[in-house]
Amino acid sequence: MSNLLRRVGTAAVLIAILLAALFWLPRGGVATLMALIIGIAGLEWARLCRLDGVAGRLYAAGIVLALLVLFTFELWQPIFL
């Protein structure tokens, strides 16, 4: 199996899981799934920036913490409504 075909297959499965989660999980479940995805992406980005060990983990934890703050306090809603 070629590398491109493997990546396309993986992307298709992950998109299907994401769409199922968006439609069938409650709001907290979607936030948990997004926190997991953002944490993994944060670790990957930290490795690309050559942040190893504790610095990379702190970077990923900071991103997840920011997501959870936005989720908890709903800071995305306009104040004037």
Protein backbone atom coordinates (compact mmCIF):
# COMPACT_ATOMS: atom_id res chain seq x y z
CA MET A 1 0.00 0.00 0.00
CA SER A 2 1.42 3.38 -0.96
CA ASN A 3 2.08 6.06 1.61
CA LEU A 4 -0.42 8.44 -0.01
CA LEU A 5 -3.18 5.82 0.00
CA ARG A 6 -2.54 5.10 3.67
CA ARG A 7 -2.76 8.80 4.55
CA VAL A 8 -5.98 9.26 2.56
CA GLY A 9 -7.52 6.24 4.29
CA THR A 10 -6.51 7.52 7.71
CA ALA A 11 -7.93 10.97 6.92
CA ALA A 12 -11.23 9.44 5.76
CA VAL A 13 -11.60 7.42 8.97
CA LEU A 14 -10.74 10.41 11.17
CA ILE A 15 -13.18 12.69 9.33
CA ALA A 16 -15.93 10.10 9.75
CA ILE A 17 -15.21 9.87 13.50
CA LEU A 18 -15.16 13.66 13.84
CA LEU A 19 -18.48 14.09 12.01
CA ALA A 20 -20.11 11.37 14.10
CA ALA A 21 -18.84 13.04 17.28
CA LEU A 22 -20.12 16.46 16.19
CA PHE A 23 -23.61 15.18 15.54
CA TRP A 24 -24.07 12.61 18.32
CA LEU A 25 -21.93 13.61 21.30
CA PRO A 26 -23.13 16.16 23.85
CA ARG A 27 -21.34 19.50 24.07
CA GLY A 28 -18.95 18.32 26.78
CA GLY A 29 -18.00 15.24 24.78
CA VAL A 30 -17.16 17.33 21.73
CA ALA A 31 -15.06 19.65 23.91
CA THR A 32 -13.20 16.65 25.33
CA LEU A 33 -12.56 15.28 21.84
CA MET A 34 -11.35 18.70 20.65
CA ALA A 35 -9.07 19.00 23.70
CA LEU A 36 -7.53 15.63 22.86
CA ILE A 37 -7.02 16.58 19.21
CA ILE A 38 -5.61 20.00 20.09
CA GLY A 39 -3.28 18.45 22.70
CA ILE A 40 -1.86 16.00 20.16
CA ALA A 41 -1.53 18.77 17.59
CA GLY A 42 0.19 20.97 20.19
CA LEU A 43 2.73 18.26 20.94
CA GLU A 44 3.38 17.82 17.22
CA TRP A 45 3.78 21.57 16.72
CA ALA A 46 6.14 21.73 19.70
CA ARG A 47 8.29 19.01 18.14
CA LEU A 48 8.35 20.95 14.85
CA CYS A 49 9.51 24.01 16.82
CA ARG A 50 12.16 21.82 18.49
CA LEU A 51 10.69 22.14 21.95
CA ASP A 52 11.62 18.89 23.64
CA GLY A 53 10.61 17.41 26.95
CA VAL A 54 8.93 19.65 29.49
CA ALA A 55 8.77 22.72 27.25
CA GLY A 56 6.82 20.87 24.57
CA ARG A 57 4.42 19.40 27.10
CA LEU A 58 3.86 22.79 28.71
CA TYR A 59 3.14 24.29 25.30
CA ALA A 60 0.53 21.60 24.55
CA ALA A 61 -0.98 21.91 28.03
CA GLY A 62 -1.26 25.68 27.60
CA ILE A 63 -3.16 25.29 24.36
CA VAL A 64 -5.54 22.74 25.91
CA LEU A 65 -6.01 25.00 28.94
CA ALA A 66 -6.90 27.92 26.64
CA LEU A 67 -9.50 25.75 24.88
CA LEU A 68 -11.02 24.65 28.19
CA VAL A 69 -11.18 28.26 29.43
CA LEU A 70 -13.00 29.29 26.26
CA PHE A 71 -15.35 26.33 26.61
CA THR A 72 -16.06 26.87 30.31
CA PHE A 73 -16.61 30.63 30.31
CA GLU A 74 -18.08 30.88 26.79
CA LEU A 75 -15.97 33.94 25.99
CA TRP A 76 -16.83 33.64 22.32
CA GLN A 77 -20.35 35.01 22.81
CA PRO A 78 -20.87 38.73 22.15
CA ILE A 79 -21.47 40.78 25.29
CA PHE A 80 -24.13 43.00 23.76
CA LEU A 81 -26.63 40.19 23.05
